[in-house]
Amino acid sequence: KVVALSLDIVTYAMLFMVIMPLFVDVENSGFYGILSGIVEPFIVPFRYILYKLNIGQGLPIDVSFLTSYIFINLTKMALELFVPI
C-alpha cells in the first residue's frame, strides 16, 4: 500500500511539473524545485537509456518523461493486480 501511495505521489508531482510552467515562473519557484527533486530520480534512468538507444533525439517533447510516466503507471497497475490493496 505504501508503494502504491508513493507511486501516486510521483505521478501527481509529474503532472504538476507539466502544468506548472503554464502559470508560474518556474525558474524562481521553490515548489518546482521540490517537485523536480521528487521526479528526476525516476526520469534520469529512462533519459540515459533512451539517449544510448538514440530514441527521441530532436523531438519537441521529452520522451524520457513520457516513458517514465507510463512505466510508473504500469507498475502501479501491476502492483494493484497482483497484490490486493
PDB file of N, CA and C in Angstrom:
ATOM      1  N   LYS A   1       0.817  -1.191   0.000  1.00  0.00           N
ATOM      2  CA  LYS A   1       0.000   0.000   0.000  1.00  0.00           C
ATOM      3  C   LYS A   1       0.866   1.261   0.000  1.00  0.00           C
ATOM      4  N   VAL A   2       1.977   1.203   0.722  1.00  0.00           N
ATOM      5  CA  VAL A   2       2.886   2.347   0.783  1.00  0.00           C
ATOM      6  C   VAL A   2       3.529   2.597  -0.581  1.00  0.00           C
ATOM      7  N   VAL A   3       3.871   1.524  -1.279  1.00  0.00           N
ATOM      8  CA  VAL A   3       4.488   1.671  -2.602  1.00  0.00           C
ATOM      9  C   VAL A   3       3.494   2.293  -3.581  1.00  0.00           C
ATOM     10  N   ALA A   4       2.248   1.839  -3.543  1.00  0.00           N
ATOM     11  CA  ALA A   4       1.230   2.398  -4.438  1.00  0.00           C
ATOM     12  C   ALA A   4       1.015   3.880  -4.141  1.00  0.00           C
ATOM     13  N   LEU A   5       0.989   4.236  -2.873  1.00  0.00           N
ATOM     14  CA  LEU A   5       0.829   5.643  -2.500  1.00  0.00           C
ATOM     15  C   LEU A   5       2.032   6.470  -2.965  1.00  0.00           C
ATOM     16  N   SER A   6       3.216   5.920  -2.824  1.00  0.00           N
ATOM     17  CA  SER A   6       4.426   6.622  -3.276  1.00  0.00           C
ATOM     18  C   SER A   6       4.405   6.837  -4.785  1.00  0.00           C
ATOM     19  N   LEU A   7       3.969   5.828  -5.522  1.00  0.00           N
ATOM     20  CA  LEU A   7       3.880   5.970  -6.974  1.00  0.00           C
ATOM     21  C   LEU A   7       2.828   6.994  -7.360  1.00  0.00           C
ATOM     22  N   ASP A   8       1.735   7.055  -6.602  1.00  0.00           N
ATOM     23  CA  ASP A   8       0.729   8.097  -6.845  1.00  0.00           C
ATOM     24  C   ASP A   8       1.311   9.488  -6.631  1.00  0.00           C
ATOM     25  N   ILE A   9       2.081   9.651  -5.578  1.00  0.00           N
ATOM     26  CA  ILE A   9       2.700  10.948  -5.288  1.00  0.00           C
ATOM     27  C   ILE A   9       3.629  11.347  -6.426  1.00  0.00           C
ATOM     28  N   VAL A  10       4.404  10.399  -6.930  1.00  0.00           N
ATOM     29  CA  VAL A  10       5.331  10.700  -8.026  1.00  0.00           C
ATOM     30  C   VAL A  10       4.568  11.087  -9.292  1.00  0.00           C
ATOM     31  N   THR A  11       3.493  10.366  -9.606  1.00  0.00           N
ATOM     32  CA  THR A  11       2.750  10.706 -10.821  1.00  0.00           C
ATOM     33  C   THR A  11       2.058  12.060 -10.694  1.00  0.00           C
ATOM     34  N   TYR A  12       1.537  12.384  -9.511  1.00  0.00           N
ATOM     35  CA  TYR A  12       0.938  13.709  -9.324  1.00  0.00           C
ATOM     36  C   TYR A  12       2.001  14.801  -9.400  1.00  0.00           C
ATOM     37  N   ALA A  13       3.174  14.529  -8.875  1.00  0.00           N
ATOM     38  CA  ALA A  13       4.266  15.500  -8.977  1.00  0.00           C
ATOM     39  C   ALA A  13       4.654  15.708 -10.441  1.00  0.00           C
ATOM     40  N   MET A  14       4.640  14.631 -11.218  1.00  0.00           N
ATOM     41  CA  MET A  14       4.952  14.757 -12.640  1.00  0.00           C
ATOM     42  C   MET A  14       3.900  15.609 -13.352  1.00  0.00           C
ATOM     43  N   LEU A  15       2.643  15.387 -13.026  1.00  0.00           N
ATOM     44  CA  LEU A  15       1.580  16.186 -13.649  1.00  0.00           C
ATOM     45  C   LEU A  15       1.703  17.662 -13.281  1.00  0.00           C
ATOM     46  N   PHE A  16       2.007  17.945 -12.010  1.00  0.00           N
ATOM     47  CA  PHE A  16       2.202  19.337 -11.594  1.00  0.00           C
ATOM     48  C   PHE A  16       3.388  19.960 -12.322  1.00  0.00           C
ATOM     49  N   MET A  17       4.449  19.175 -12.536  1.00  0.00           N
ATOM     50  CA  MET A  17       5.610  19.705 -13.251  1.00  0.00           C
ATOM     51  C   MET A  17       5.273  20.072 -14.685  1.00  0.00           C
ATOM     52  N   VAL A  18       4.355  19.349 -15.298  1.00  0.00           N
ATOM     53  CA  VAL A  18       3.963  19.636 -16.676  1.00  0.00           C
ATOM     54  C   VAL A  18       3.086  20.880 -16.735  1.00  0.00           C
ATOM     55  N   ILE A  19       2.165  20.997 -15.792  1.00  0.00           N
ATOM     56  CA  ILE A  19       1.191  22.088 -15.817  1.00  0.00           C
ATOM     57  C   ILE A  19       1.756  23.389 -15.261  1.00  0.00           C
ATOM     58  N   MET A  20       2.621  23.308 -14.282  1.00  0.00           N
ATOM     59  CA  MET A  20       3.098  24.488 -13.565  1.00  0.00           C
ATOM     60  C   MET A  20       3.756  25.562 -14.450  1.00  0.00           C
ATOM     61  N   PRO A  21       4.570  25.207 -15.440  1.00  0.00           N
ATOM     62  CA  PRO A  21       5.184  26.261 -16.262  1.00  0.00           C
ATOM     63  C   PRO A  21       4.193  27.117 -17.050  1.00  0.00           C
ATOM     64  N   LEU A  22       2.976  26.634 -17.197  1.00  0.00           N
ATOM     65  CA  LEU A  22       1.970  27.423 -17.905  1.00  0.00           C
ATOM     66  C   LEU A  22       1.485  28.605 -17.080  1.00  0.00           C
ATOM     67  N   PHE A  23       1.598  28.518 -15.759  1.00  0.00           N
ATOM     68  CA  PHE A  23       1.036  29.529 -14.878  1.00  0.00           C
ATOM     69  C   PHE A  23       2.051  30.274 -14.025  1.00  0.00           C
ATOM     70  N   VAL A  24       3.225  29.691 -13.801  1.00  0.00           N
ATOM     71  CA  VAL A  24       4.191  30.235 -12.846  1.00  0.00           C
ATOM     72  C   VAL A  24       5.569  30.305 -13.500  1.00  0.00           C
ATOM     73  N   ASP A  25       6.357  31.278 -13.080  1.00  0.00           N
ATOM     74  CA  ASP A  25       7.754  31.345 -13.493  1.00  0.00           C
ATOM     75  C   ASP A  25       8.522  30.284 -12.702  1.00  0.00           C
ATOM     76  N   VAL A  26       8.825  29.167 -13.348  1.00  0.00           N
ATOM     77  CA  VAL A  26       9.413  28.029 -12.633  1.00  0.00           C
ATOM     78  C   VAL A  26      10.883  28.245 -12.283  1.00  0.00           C
ATOM     79  N   GLU A  27      11.538  29.195 -12.930  1.00  0.00           N
ATOM     80  CA  GLU A  27      12.953  29.444 -12.639  1.00  0.00           C
ATOM     81  C   GLU A  27      13.150  29.913 -11.208  1.00  0.00           C
ATOM     82  N   ASN A  28      12.191  30.651 -10.668  1.00  0.00           N
ATOM     83  CA  ASN A  28      12.325  31.196  -9.320  1.00  0.00           C
ATOM     84  C   ASN A  28      11.396  30.504  -8.322  1.00  0.00           C
ATOM     85  N   SER A  29      10.861  29.352  -8.675  1.00  0.00           N
ATOM     86  CA  SER A  29       9.897  28.670  -7.829  1.00  0.00           C
ATOM     87  C   SER A  29      10.573  27.583  -7.000  1.00  0.00           C
ATOM     88  N   GLY A  30      10.435  27.694  -5.692  1.00  0.00           N
ATOM     89  CA  GLY A  30      10.963  26.665  -4.810  1.00  0.00           C
ATOM     90  C   GLY A  30      10.156  25.384  -4.874  1.00  0.00           C
ATOM     91  N   PHE A  31       8.834  25.526  -5.065  1.00  0.00           N
ATOM     92  CA  PHE A  31       7.964  24.359  -5.164  1.00  0.00           C
ATOM     93  C   PHE A  31       8.321  23.515  -6.387  1.00  0.00           C
ATOM     94  N   TYR A  32       8.653  24.180  -7.489  1.00  0.00           N
ATOM     95  CA  TYR A  32       9.063  23.454  -8.694  1.00  0.00           C
ATOM     96  C   TYR A  32      10.366  22.693  -8.443  1.00  0.00           C
ATOM     97  N   GLY A  33      11.244  23.272  -7.651  1.00  0.00           N
ATOM     98  CA  GLY A  33      12.485  22.588  -7.286  1.00  0.00           C
ATOM     99  C   GLY A  33      12.223  21.340  -6.464  1.00  0.00           C
ATOM    100  N   ILE A  34      11.245  21.421  -5.558  1.00  0.00           N
ATOM    101  CA  ILE A  34      10.876  20.251  -4.760  1.00  0.00           C
ATOM    102  C   ILE A  34      10.293  19.165  -5.659  1.00  0.00           C
ATOM    103  N   LEU A  35       9.401  19.560  -6.566  1.00  0.00           N
ATOM    104  CA  LEU A  35       8.818  18.599  -7.500  1.00  0.00           C
ATOM    105  C   LEU A  35       9.889  17.956  -8.367  1.00  0.00           C
ATOM    106  N   SER A  36      10.835  18.756  -8.793  1.00  0.00           N
ATOM    107  CA  SER A  36      11.931  18.241  -9.606  1.00  0.00           C
ATOM    108  C   SER A  36      12.763  17.234  -8.821  1.00  0.00           C
ATOM    109  N   GLY A  37      12.984  17.507  -7.547  1.00  0.00           N
ATOM    110  CA  GLY A  37      13.729  16.579  -6.707  1.00  0.00           C
ATOM    111  C   GLY A  37      13.006  15.257  -6.512  1.00  0.00           C
ATOM    112  N   ILE A  38      11.691  15.286  -6.533  1.00  0.00           N
ATOM    113  CA  ILE A  38      10.900  14.063  -6.394  1.00  0.00           C
ATOM    114  C   ILE A  38      10.893  13.263  -7.694  1.00  0.00           C
ATOM    115  N   VAL A  39      10.769  13.962  -8.810  1.00  0.00           N
ATOM    116  CA  VAL A  39      10.524  13.313 -10.097  1.00  0.00           C
ATOM    117  C   VAL A  39      11.810  12.893 -10.820  1.00  0.00           C
ATOM    118  N   GLU A  40      12.827  13.690 -10.756  1.00  0.00           N
ATOM    119  CA  GLU A  40      14.037  13.436 -11.554  1.00  0.00           C
ATOM    120  C   GLU A  40      14.667  12.065 -11.319  1.00  0.00           C
ATOM    121  N   PRO A  41      14.709  11.527 -10.092  1.00  0.00           N
ATOM    122  CA  PRO A  41      15.295  10.182  -9.943  1.00  0.00           C
ATOM    123  C   PRO A  41      14.557   9.097 -10.730  1.00  0.00           C
ATOM    124  N   PHE A  42      13.303   9.328 -11.058  1.00  0.00           N
ATOM    125  CA  PHE A  42      12.548   8.362 -11.851  1.00  0.00           C
ATOM    126  C   PHE A  42      12.742   8.583 -13.345  1.00  0.00           C
ATOM    127  N   ILE A  43      13.079   9.806 -13.744  1.00  0.00           N
ATOM    128  CA  ILE A  43      13.230  10.127 -15.164  1.00  0.00           C
ATOM    129  C   ILE A  43      14.643   9.856 -15.671  1.00  0.00           C
ATOM    130  N   VAL A  44      15.634  10.093 -14.853  1.00  0.00           N
ATOM    131  CA  VAL A  44      17.034  10.005 -15.283  1.00  0.00           C
ATOM    132  C   VAL A  44      17.399   8.638 -15.871  1.00  0.00           C
ATOM    133  N   PRO A  45      16.996   7.505 -15.282  1.00  0.00           N
ATOM    134  CA  PRO A  45      17.350   6.223 -15.921  1.00  0.00           C
ATOM    135  C   PRO A  45      16.773   6.071 -17.322  1.00  0.00           C
ATOM    136  N   PHE A  46      15.538   6.530 -17.514  1.00  0.00           N
ATOM    137  CA  PHE A  46      14.930   6.455 -18.845  1.00  0.00           C
ATOM    138  C   PHE A  46      15.628   7.410 -19.810  1.00  0.00           C
ATOM    139  N   ARG A  47      16.012   8.575 -19.335  1.00  0.00           N
ATOM    140  CA  ARG A  47      16.722   9.536 -20.170  1.00  0.00           C
ATOM    141  C   ARG A  47      18.048   8.934 -20.645  1.00  0.00           C
ATOM    142  N   TYR A  48      18.750   8.255 -19.730  1.00  0.00           N
ATOM    143  CA  TYR A  48      20.032   7.634 -20.062  1.00  0.00           C
ATOM    144  C   TYR A  48      19.846   6.516 -21.095  1.00  0.00           C
ATOM    145  N   ILE A  49      18.853   5.645 -20.864  1.00  0.00           N
ATOM    146  CA  ILE A  49      18.613   4.518 -21.773  1.00  0.00           C
ATOM    147  C   ILE A  49      18.195   5.017 -23.151  1.00  0.00           C
ATOM    148  N   LEU A  50      17.267   5.977 -23.199  1.00  0.00           N
ATOM    149  CA  LEU A  50      16.804   6.483 -24.489  1.00  0.00           C
ATOM    150  C   LEU A  50      17.910   7.236 -25.229  1.00  0.00           C
ATOM    151  N   TYR A  51      18.792   7.900 -24.477  1.00  0.00           N
ATOM    152  CA  TYR A  51      19.920   8.581 -25.111  1.00  0.00           C
ATOM    153  C   TYR A  51      20.872   7.562 -25.725  1.00  0.00           C
ATOM    154  N   LYS A  52      21.149   6.479 -24.997  1.00  0.00           N
ATOM    155  CA  LYS A  52      22.055   5.446 -25.519  1.00  0.00           C
ATOM    156  C   LYS A  52      21.469   4.755 -26.749  1.00  0.00           C
ATOM    157  N   LEU A  53      20.139   4.605 -26.780  1.00  0.00           N
ATOM    158  CA  LEU A  53      19.482   3.979 -27.919  1.00  0.00           C
ATOM    159  C   LEU A  53      19.161   4.977 -29.029  1.00  0.00           C
ATOM    160  N   ASN A  54      19.471   6.257 -28.799  1.00  0.00           N
ATOM    161  CA  ASN A  54      19.226   7.330 -29.758  1.00  0.00           C
ATOM    162  C   ASN A  54      17.744   7.419 -30.133  1.00  0.00           C
ATOM    163  N   ILE A  55      16.902   7.350 -29.106  1.00  0.00           N
ATOM    164  CA  ILE A  55      15.451   7.440 -29.299  1.00  0.00           C
ATOM    165  C   ILE A  55      14.975   8.784 -28.762  1.00  0.00           C
ATOM    166  N   GLY A  56      14.201   9.485 -29.552  1.00  0.00           N
ATOM    167  CA  GLY A  56      13.604  10.729 -29.111  1.00  0.00           C
ATOM    168  C   GLY A  56      14.493  11.943 -29.254  1.00  0.00           C
ATOM    169  N   GLN A  57      15.630  11.807 -29.884  1.00  0.00           N
ATOM    170  CA  GLN A  57      16.524  12.945 -30.081  1.00  0.00           C
ATOM    171  C   GLN A  57      15.902  13.874 -31.116  1.00  0.00           C
ATOM    172  N   GLY A  58      15.799  15.135 -30.784  1.00  0.00           N
ATOM    173  CA  GLY A  58      15.275  16.120 -31.712  1.00  0.00           C
ATOM    174  C   GLY A  58      13.760  16.263 -31.712  1.00  0.00           C
ATOM    175  N   LEU A  59      13.082  15.531 -30.850  1.00  0.00           N
ATOM    176  CA  LEU A  59      11.633  15.688 -30.761  1.00  0.00           C
ATOM    177  C   LEU A  59      11.290  16.851 -29.833  1.00  0.00           C
ATOM    178  N   PRO A  60      10.166  17.494 -30.056  1.00  0.00           N
ATOM    179  CA  PRO A  60       9.809  18.647 -29.220  1.00  0.00           C
ATOM    180  C   PRO A  60       9.291  18.275 -27.827  1.00  0.00           C
ATOM    181  N   ILE A  61       9.091  16.979 -27.575  1.00  0.00           N
ATOM    182  CA  ILE A  61       8.650  16.555 -26.242  1.00  0.00           C
ATOM    183  C   ILE A  61       9.750  15.720 -25.593  1.00  0.00           C
ATOM    184  N   ASP A  62       9.712  15.661 -24.263  1.00  0.00           N
ATOM    185  CA  ASP A  62      10.679  14.865 -23.520  1.00  0.00           C
ATOM    186  C   ASP A  62      10.168  13.431 -23.461  1.00  0.00           C
ATOM    187  N   VAL A  63      10.710  12.586 -24.317  1.00  0.00           N
ATOM    188  CA  VAL A  63      10.255  11.205 -24.419  1.00  0.00           C
ATOM    189  C   VAL A  63      10.572  10.440 -23.135  1.00  0.00           C
ATOM    190  N   SER A  64      11.670  10.763 -22.485  1.00  0.00           N
ATOM    191  CA  SER A  64      12.011  10.071 -21.246  1.00  0.00           C
ATOM    192  C   SER A  64      10.994  10.376 -20.151  1.00  0.00           C
ATOM    193  N   PHE A  65      10.483  11.594 -20.106  1.00  0.00           N
ATOM    194  CA  PHE A  65       9.451  11.963 -19.144  1.00  0.00           C
ATOM    195  C   PHE A  65       8.196  11.143 -19.395  1.00  0.00           C
ATOM    196  N   LEU A  66       7.777  11.088 -20.655  1.00  0.00           N
ATOM    197  CA  LEU A  66       6.584  10.342 -21.027  1.00  0.00           C
ATOM    198  C   LEU A  66       6.766   8.842 -20.759  1.00  0.00           C
ATOM    199  N   THR A  67       7.924   8.309 -21.099  1.00  0.00           N
ATOM    200  CA  THR A  67       8.203   6.893 -20.884  1.00  0.00           C
ATOM    201  C   THR A  67       8.191   6.545 -19.396  1.00  0.00           C
ATOM    202  N   SER A  68       8.799   7.386 -18.584  1.00  0.00           N
ATOM    203  CA  SER A  68       8.816   7.104 -17.151  1.00  0.00           C
ATOM    204  C   SER A  68       7.415   7.211 -16.556  1.00  0.00           C
ATOM    205  N   TYR A  69       6.613   8.164 -17.022  1.00  0.00           N
ATOM    206  CA  TYR A  69       5.232   8.297 -16.539  1.00  0.00           C
ATOM    207  C   TYR A  69       4.426   7.037 -16.859  1.00  0.00           C
ATOM    208  N   ILE A  70       4.559   6.544 -18.080  1.00  0.00           N
ATOM    209  CA  ILE A  70       3.858   5.326 -18.483  1.00  0.00           C
ATOM    210  C   ILE A  70       4.353   4.135 -17.675  1.00  0.00           C
ATOM    211  N   PHE A  71       5.661   4.019 -17.493  1.00  0.00           N
ATOM    212  CA  PHE A  71       6.229   2.901 -16.738  1.00  0.00           C
ATOM    213  C   PHE A  71       5.760   2.914 -15.284  1.00  0.00           C
ATOM    214  N   ILE A  72       5.730   4.074 -14.668  1.00  0.00           N
ATOM    215  CA  ILE A  72       5.279   4.174 -13.279  1.00  0.00           C
ATOM    216  C   ILE A  72       3.815   3.769 -13.164  1.00  0.00           C
ATOM    217  N   ASN A  73       2.984   4.219 -14.095  1.00  0.00           N
ATOM    218  CA  ASN A  73       1.573   3.842 -14.058  1.00  0.00           C
ATOM    219  C   ASN A  73       1.366   2.364 -14.325  1.00  0.00           C
ATOM    220  N   LEU A  74       2.126   1.777 -15.238  1.00  0.00           N
ATOM    221  CA  LEU A  74       2.024   0.341 -15.482  1.00  0.00           C
ATOM    222  C   LEU A  74       2.482  -0.455 -14.264  1.00  0.00           C
ATOM    223  N   THR A  75       3.523   0.013 -13.610  1.00  0.00           N
ATOM    224  CA  THR A  75       3.999  -0.642 -12.393  1.00  0.00           C
ATOM    225  C   THR A  75       2.934  -0.595 -11.308  1.00  0.00           C
ATOM    226  N   LYS A  76       2.292   0.544 -11.168  1.00  0.00           N
ATOM    227  CA  LYS A  76       1.235   0.684 -10.166  1.00  0.00           C
ATOM    228  C   LYS A  76       0.060  -0.224 -10.494  1.00  0.00           C
ATOM    229  N   MET A  77      -0.320  -0.320 -11.761  1.00  0.00           N
ATOM    230  CA  MET A  77      -1.422  -1.199 -12.147  1.00  0.00           C
ATOM    231  C   MET A  77      -1.064  -2.662 -11.898  1.00  0.00           C
ATOM    232  N   ALA A  78       0.163  -3.051 -12.210  1.00  0.00           N
ATOM    233  CA  ALA A  78       0.595  -4.436 -11.964  1.00  0.00           C
ATOM    234  C   ALA A  78       0.621  -4.726 -10.470  1.00  0.00           C
ATOM    235  N   LEU A  79       1.052  -3.774  -9.691  1.00  0.00           N
ATOM    236  CA  LEU A  79       1.079  -3.946  -8.248  1.00  0.00           C
ATOM    237  C   LEU A  79      -0.331  -4.135  -7.690  1.00  0.00           C
ATOM    238  N   GLU A  80      -1.269  -3.347  -8.177  1.00  0.00           N
ATOM    239  CA  GLU A  80      -2.655  -3.481  -7.724  1.00  0.00           C
ATOM    240  C   GLU A  80      -3.281  -4.781  -8.213  1.00  0.00           C
ATOM    241  N   LEU A  81      -2.809  -5.293  -9.344  1.00  0.00           N
ATOM    242  CA  LEU A  81      -3.344  -6.536  -9.885  1.00  0.00           C
ATOM    243  C   LEU A  81      -2.872  -7.745  -9.075  1.00  0.00           C
ATOM    244  N   PHE A  82      -1.585  -7.757  -8.729  1.00  0.00           N
ATOM    245  CA  PHE A  82      -1.005  -8.920  -8.067  1.00  0.00           C
ATOM    246  C   PHE A  82      -1.029  -8.856  -6.554  1.00  0.00           C
ATOM    247  N   VAL A  83      -1.111  -7.656  -5.998  1.00  0.00           N
ATOM    248  CA  VAL A  83      -1.146  -7.500  -4.544  1.00  0.00           C
ATOM    249  C   VAL A  83      -2.431  -6.782  -4.183  1.00  0.00           C
ATOM    250  N   PRO A  84      -3.389  -7.499  -3.627  1.00  0.00           N
ATOM    251  CA  PRO A  84      -4.649  -6.823  -3.274  1.00  0.00           C
ATOM    252  C   PRO A  84      -4.436  -5.773  -2.201  1.00  0.00           C
ATOM    253  N   ILE A  85      -4.975  -4.593  -2.471  1.00  0.00           N
ATOM    254  CA  ILE A  85      -4.796  -3.481  -1.529  1.00  0.00           C
ATOM    255  C   ILE A  85      -6.068  -3.288  -0.722  1.00  0.00           C
TER     256      ILE A  85
END
